[in-house]
Structure formats: C-alpha cells, structure tokens
Amino acid sequence: MDASRKCLEKCLEIDPAFNKARFLLSGLYLEKNEPELAIKINNEIIKVDSLSDKAYINLGDIYIQLGDTALAIKNWETAVYKNPGNINICKLLNGYYVENNNPEKARYYQILATKPKKNQ
C-alpha cells in the first residue's frame, strides 16, 4: 500500500492532471479505510476535470458507505447531470426514488436509463 501510494503521488508530482493516478489513489485510501482522504482525492479530480462524472460516482459510493444517503444521492445526481447516458447510475437513482415513494423522479431516471445520450 505505501509503495503504491508513493508511486501514485510521484506520478501526480510529475503530471498534476493525471487523474487516473488520483482514481487509483482514491481506491487505495478506501482499501485502507480512509474515506476522508478518498473524498479529498475525488474533489481534486473534479477541480482538474469538472466534466467527468466518475469522481461524482465515487463520491456517491463513498458517502453511501459512510451512511450519508443524502450526499450520496446528490453526487450521483450530479454524475447523471454530467453524463445523462450513464445507465447504471440512472437505474440506481430510479430504484432509490421508487423505494422512497417519489414517482416523478423515479420516472425521470427510468426514462434516462432507457434513452442514453452519451457513452458511459
């Protein structure tokens, strides 16, 4: 873990825009049960690439693990805003809103899930 982390941090020193290293680093922090650091890394990804949906998906996944459903949903919805064609997140949000008796939002995400606009 430490060697991998150091290698990824070195990659970011050389190329601060290398988000693949950040995604891997975020995963390492999660494996080490350091979600706060994973959140920080994903927020850095957003600063470097504000158009990417992947960091928002990661943040949603982290927040759901931490038990903060509201922040998870907020991040997943932002991911869909960035990439409406992400069928998996649309289906996840559809299911969430069905379970939580919000038929309007459930229908919205169901429609998005069946009519993707952009590659995942």
C-alpha atoms as a PDB file:
ATOM      1  CA  MET A   1       0.000   0.000   0.000  1.00  0.00           C
ATOM      2  CA  ASP A   2       2.645   2.535   0.993  1.00  0.00           C
ATOM      3  CA  ALA A   3       4.789   1.796  -2.068  1.00  0.00           C
ATOM      4  CA  SER A   4       1.758   2.051  -4.354  1.00  0.00           C
ATOM      5  CA  ARG A   5       0.661   5.280  -2.713  1.00  0.00           C
ATOM      6  CA  LYS A   6       4.127   6.802  -3.041  1.00  0.00           C
ATOM      7  CA  CYS A   7       4.319   5.798  -6.698  1.00  0.00           C
ATOM      8  CA  LEU A   8       0.927   7.359  -7.457  1.00  0.00           C
ATOM      9  CA  GLU A   9       1.815  10.517  -5.543  1.00  0.00           C
ATOM     10  CA  LYS A  10       5.043  10.741  -7.566  1.00  0.00           C
ATOM     11  CA  CYS A  11       3.015  10.404 -10.781  1.00  0.00           C
ATOM     12  CA  LEU A  12       0.905  13.360  -9.659  1.00  0.00           C
ATOM     13  CA  GLU A  13       4.003  15.421  -8.901  1.00  0.00           C
ATOM     14  CA  ILE A  14       5.173  14.814 -12.464  1.00  0.00           C
ATOM     15  CA  ASP A  15       1.744  15.337 -14.046  1.00  0.00           C
ATOM     16  CA  PRO A  16      -0.828  17.028 -11.777  1.00  0.00           C
ATOM     17  CA  ALA A  17      -3.561  16.466 -14.389  1.00  0.00           C
ATOM     18  CA  PHE A  18      -3.103  12.661 -14.375  1.00  0.00           C
ATOM     19  CA  ASN A  19      -6.495  11.744 -12.926  1.00  0.00           C
ATOM     20  CA  LYS A  20      -6.039   8.001 -13.415  1.00  0.00           C
ATOM     21  CA  ALA A  21      -3.458   8.174 -10.630  1.00  0.00           C
ATOM     22  CA  ARG A  22      -5.967  10.028  -8.461  1.00  0.00           C
ATOM     23  CA  PHE A  23      -8.662   7.406  -9.076  1.00  0.00           C
ATOM     24  CA  LEU A  24      -6.236   4.652  -8.097  1.00  0.00           C
ATOM     25  CA  LEU A  25      -5.124   6.614  -5.045  1.00  0.00           C
ATOM     26  CA  SER A  26      -8.751   7.061  -4.018  1.00  0.00           C
ATOM     27  CA  GLY A  27      -9.236   3.299  -4.231  1.00  0.00           C
ATOM     28  CA  LEU A  28      -6.159   2.701  -2.093  1.00  0.00           C
ATOM     29  CA  TYR A  29      -7.473   5.073   0.564  1.00  0.00           C
ATOM     30  CA  LEU A  30     -10.784   3.225   0.610  1.00  0.00           C
ATOM     31  CA  GLU A  31      -8.995  -0.117   0.970  1.00  0.00           C
ATOM     32  CA  LYS A  32      -7.114   1.344   3.926  1.00  0.00           C
ATOM     33  CA  ASN A  33     -10.417   2.582   5.412  1.00  0.00           C
ATOM     34  CA  GLU A  34      -9.542   6.250   4.981  1.00  0.00           C
ATOM     35  CA  PRO A  35     -12.697   7.604   3.311  1.00  0.00           C
ATOM     36  CA  GLU A  36     -11.889  11.231   4.177  1.00  0.00           C
ATOM     37  CA  LEU A  37      -8.731  11.033   2.054  1.00  0.00           C
ATOM     38  CA  ALA A  38     -10.659   9.332  -0.755  1.00  0.00           C
ATOM     39  CA  ILE A  39     -13.202  12.167  -0.652  1.00  0.00           C
ATOM     40  CA  LYS A  40     -10.397  14.725  -0.813  1.00  0.00           C
ATOM     41  CA  ILE A  41      -8.834  12.990  -3.828  1.00  0.00           C
ATOM     42  CA  ASN A  42     -12.154  12.834  -5.692  1.00  0.00           C
ATOM     43  CA  ASN A  43     -12.717  16.535  -5.043  1.00  0.00           C
ATOM     44  CA  GLU A  44      -9.272  17.163  -6.558  1.00  0.00           C
ATOM     45  CA  ILE A  45     -10.321  15.165  -9.620  1.00  0.00           C
ATOM     46  CA  ILE A  46     -13.355  17.427 -10.011  1.00  0.00           C
ATOM     47  CA  LYS A  47     -11.125  20.512  -9.856  1.00  0.00           C
ATOM     48  CA  VAL A  48      -8.920  19.133 -12.643  1.00  0.00           C
ATOM     49  CA  ASP A  49     -11.763  17.732 -14.780  1.00  0.00           C
ATOM     50  CA  SER A  50     -15.104  19.339 -13.980  1.00  0.00           C
ATOM     51  CA  LEU A  51     -16.814  17.492 -16.846  1.00  0.00           C
ATOM     52  CA  SER A  52     -16.112  13.991 -15.547  1.00  0.00           C
ATOM     53  CA  ASP A  53     -18.902  12.019 -13.925  1.00  0.00           C
ATOM     54  CA  LYS A  54     -16.634   9.356 -12.427  1.00  0.00           C
ATOM     55  CA  ALA A  55     -15.494  11.369  -9.397  1.00  0.00           C
ATOM     56  CA  TYR A  56     -19.117  12.125  -8.526  1.00  0.00           C
ATOM     57  CA  ILE A  57     -19.960   8.431  -8.799  1.00  0.00           C
ATOM     58  CA  ASN A  58     -17.050   7.621  -6.493  1.00  0.00           C
ATOM     59  CA  LEU A  59     -18.167  10.277  -4.010  1.00  0.00           C
ATOM     60  CA  GLY A  60     -21.692   8.863  -4.038  1.00  0.00           C
ATOM     61  CA  ASP A  61     -20.329   5.385  -3.376  1.00  0.00           C
ATOM     62  CA  ILE A  62     -18.149   6.664  -0.520  1.00  0.00           C
ATOM     63  CA  TYR A  63     -20.980   8.606   1.104  1.00  0.00           C
ATOM     64  CA  ILE A  64     -23.345   5.633   0.912  1.00  0.00           C
ATOM     65  CA  GLN A  65     -20.691   3.537   2.695  1.00  0.00           C
ATOM     66  CA  LEU A  66     -20.476   6.256   5.347  1.00  0.00           C
ATOM     67  CA  GLY A  67     -24.252   6.173   5.764  1.00  0.00           C
ATOM     68  CA  ASP A  68     -24.893   9.623   4.285  1.00  0.00           C
ATOM     69  CA  THR A  69     -27.580   8.796   1.748  1.00  0.00           C
ATOM     70  CA  ALA A  70     -28.448  12.440   1.038  1.00  0.00           C
ATOM     71  CA  LEU A  71     -24.879  13.293  -0.024  1.00  0.00           C
ATOM     72  CA  ALA A  72     -24.635  10.051  -1.987  1.00  0.00           C
ATOM     73  CA  ILE A  73     -27.793  10.879  -3.949  1.00  0.00           C
ATOM     74  CA  LYS A  74     -26.629  14.462  -4.525  1.00  0.00           C
ATOM     75  CA  ASN A  75     -23.334  13.226  -6.012  1.00  0.00           C
ATOM     76  CA  TRP A  76     -24.971  10.533  -8.136  1.00  0.00           C
ATOM     77  CA  GLU A  77     -27.452  13.092  -9.477  1.00  0.00           C
ATOM     78  CA  THR A  78     -24.543  15.371 -10.357  1.00  0.00           C
ATOM     79  CA  ALA A  79     -22.905  12.432 -12.149  1.00  0.00           C
ATOM     80  CA  VAL A  80     -26.064  11.974 -14.225  1.00  0.00           C
ATOM     81  CA  TYR A  81     -26.133  15.699 -14.977  1.00  0.00           C
ATOM     82  CA  LYS A  82     -22.544  15.411 -16.260  1.00  0.00           C
ATOM     83  CA  ASN A  83     -23.312  12.218 -18.198  1.00  0.00           C
ATOM     84  CA  PRO A  84     -27.035  11.505 -18.710  1.00  0.00           C
ATOM     85  CA  GLY A  85     -26.114   8.358 -20.624  1.00  0.00           C
ATOM     86  CA  ASN A  86     -24.756   6.561 -17.572  1.00  0.00           C
ATOM     87  CA  ILE A  87     -27.418   3.870 -17.497  1.00  0.00           C
ATOM     88  CA  ASN A  88     -26.197   2.218 -14.293  1.00  0.00           C
ATOM     89  CA  ILE A  89     -26.433   5.377 -12.188  1.00  0.00           C
ATOM     90  CA  CYS A  90     -29.802   6.241 -13.749  1.00  0.00           C
ATOM     91  CA  LYS A  91     -31.100   2.789 -12.790  1.00  0.00           C
ATOM     92  CA  LEU A  92     -29.679   3.135  -9.286  1.00  0.00           C
ATOM     93  CA  LEU A  93     -31.401   6.507  -8.809  1.00  0.00           C
ATOM     94  CA  ASN A  94     -34.623   5.170 -10.313  1.00  0.00           C
ATOM     95  CA  GLY A  95     -34.600   2.347  -7.767  1.00  0.00           C
ATOM     96  CA  TYR A  96     -33.864   4.723  -4.922  1.00  0.00           C
ATOM     97  CA  TYR A  97     -36.757   7.006  -5.821  1.00  0.00           C
ATOM     98  CA  VAL A  98     -39.154   4.070  -6.332  1.00  0.00           C
ATOM     99  CA  GLU A  99     -38.279   2.793  -2.841  1.00  0.00           C
ATOM    100  CA  ASN A 100     -38.693   6.277  -1.383  1.00  0.00           C
ATOM    101  CA  ASN A 101     -42.076   6.983  -2.989  1.00  0.00           C
ATOM    102  CA  ASN A 102     -41.009   9.718  -5.371  1.00  0.00           C
ATOM    103  CA  PRO A 103     -42.635   8.596  -8.635  1.00  0.00           C
ATOM    104  CA  GLU A 104     -41.764  11.748 -10.585  1.00  0.00           C
ATOM    105  CA  LYS A 105     -38.029  11.420 -10.016  1.00  0.00           C
ATOM    106  CA  ALA A 106     -38.225   7.639 -10.405  1.00  0.00           C
ATOM    107  CA  ARG A 107     -39.842   8.077 -13.820  1.00  0.00           C
ATOM    108  CA  TYR A 108     -37.293  10.724 -14.824  1.00  0.00           C
ATOM    109  CA  TYR A 109     -34.363   8.394 -14.144  1.00  0.00           C
ATOM    110  CA  GLN A 110     -36.190   5.463 -15.726  1.00  0.00           C
ATOM    111  CA  ILE A 111     -36.546   7.465 -18.940  1.00  0.00           C
ATOM    112  CA  LEU A 112     -32.878   8.493 -18.854  1.00  0.00           C
ATOM    113  CA  ALA A 113     -31.870   4.864 -18.320  1.00  0.00           C
ATOM    114  CA  THR A 114     -33.672   3.811 -21.489  1.00  0.00           C
ATOM    115  CA  LYS A 115     -32.507   6.728 -23.651  1.00  0.00           C
ATOM    116  CA  PRO A 116     -28.787   7.242 -23.069  1.00  0.00           C
ATOM    117  CA  LYS A 117     -27.318  10.393 -24.620  1.00  0.00           C
ATOM    118  CA  LYS A 118     -23.617   9.769 -24.139  1.00  0.00           C
ATOM    119  CA  ASN A 119     -21.307   6.794 -23.699  1.00  0.00           C
ATOM    120  CA  GLN A 120     -20.752   5.558 -20.168  1.00  0.00           C
END
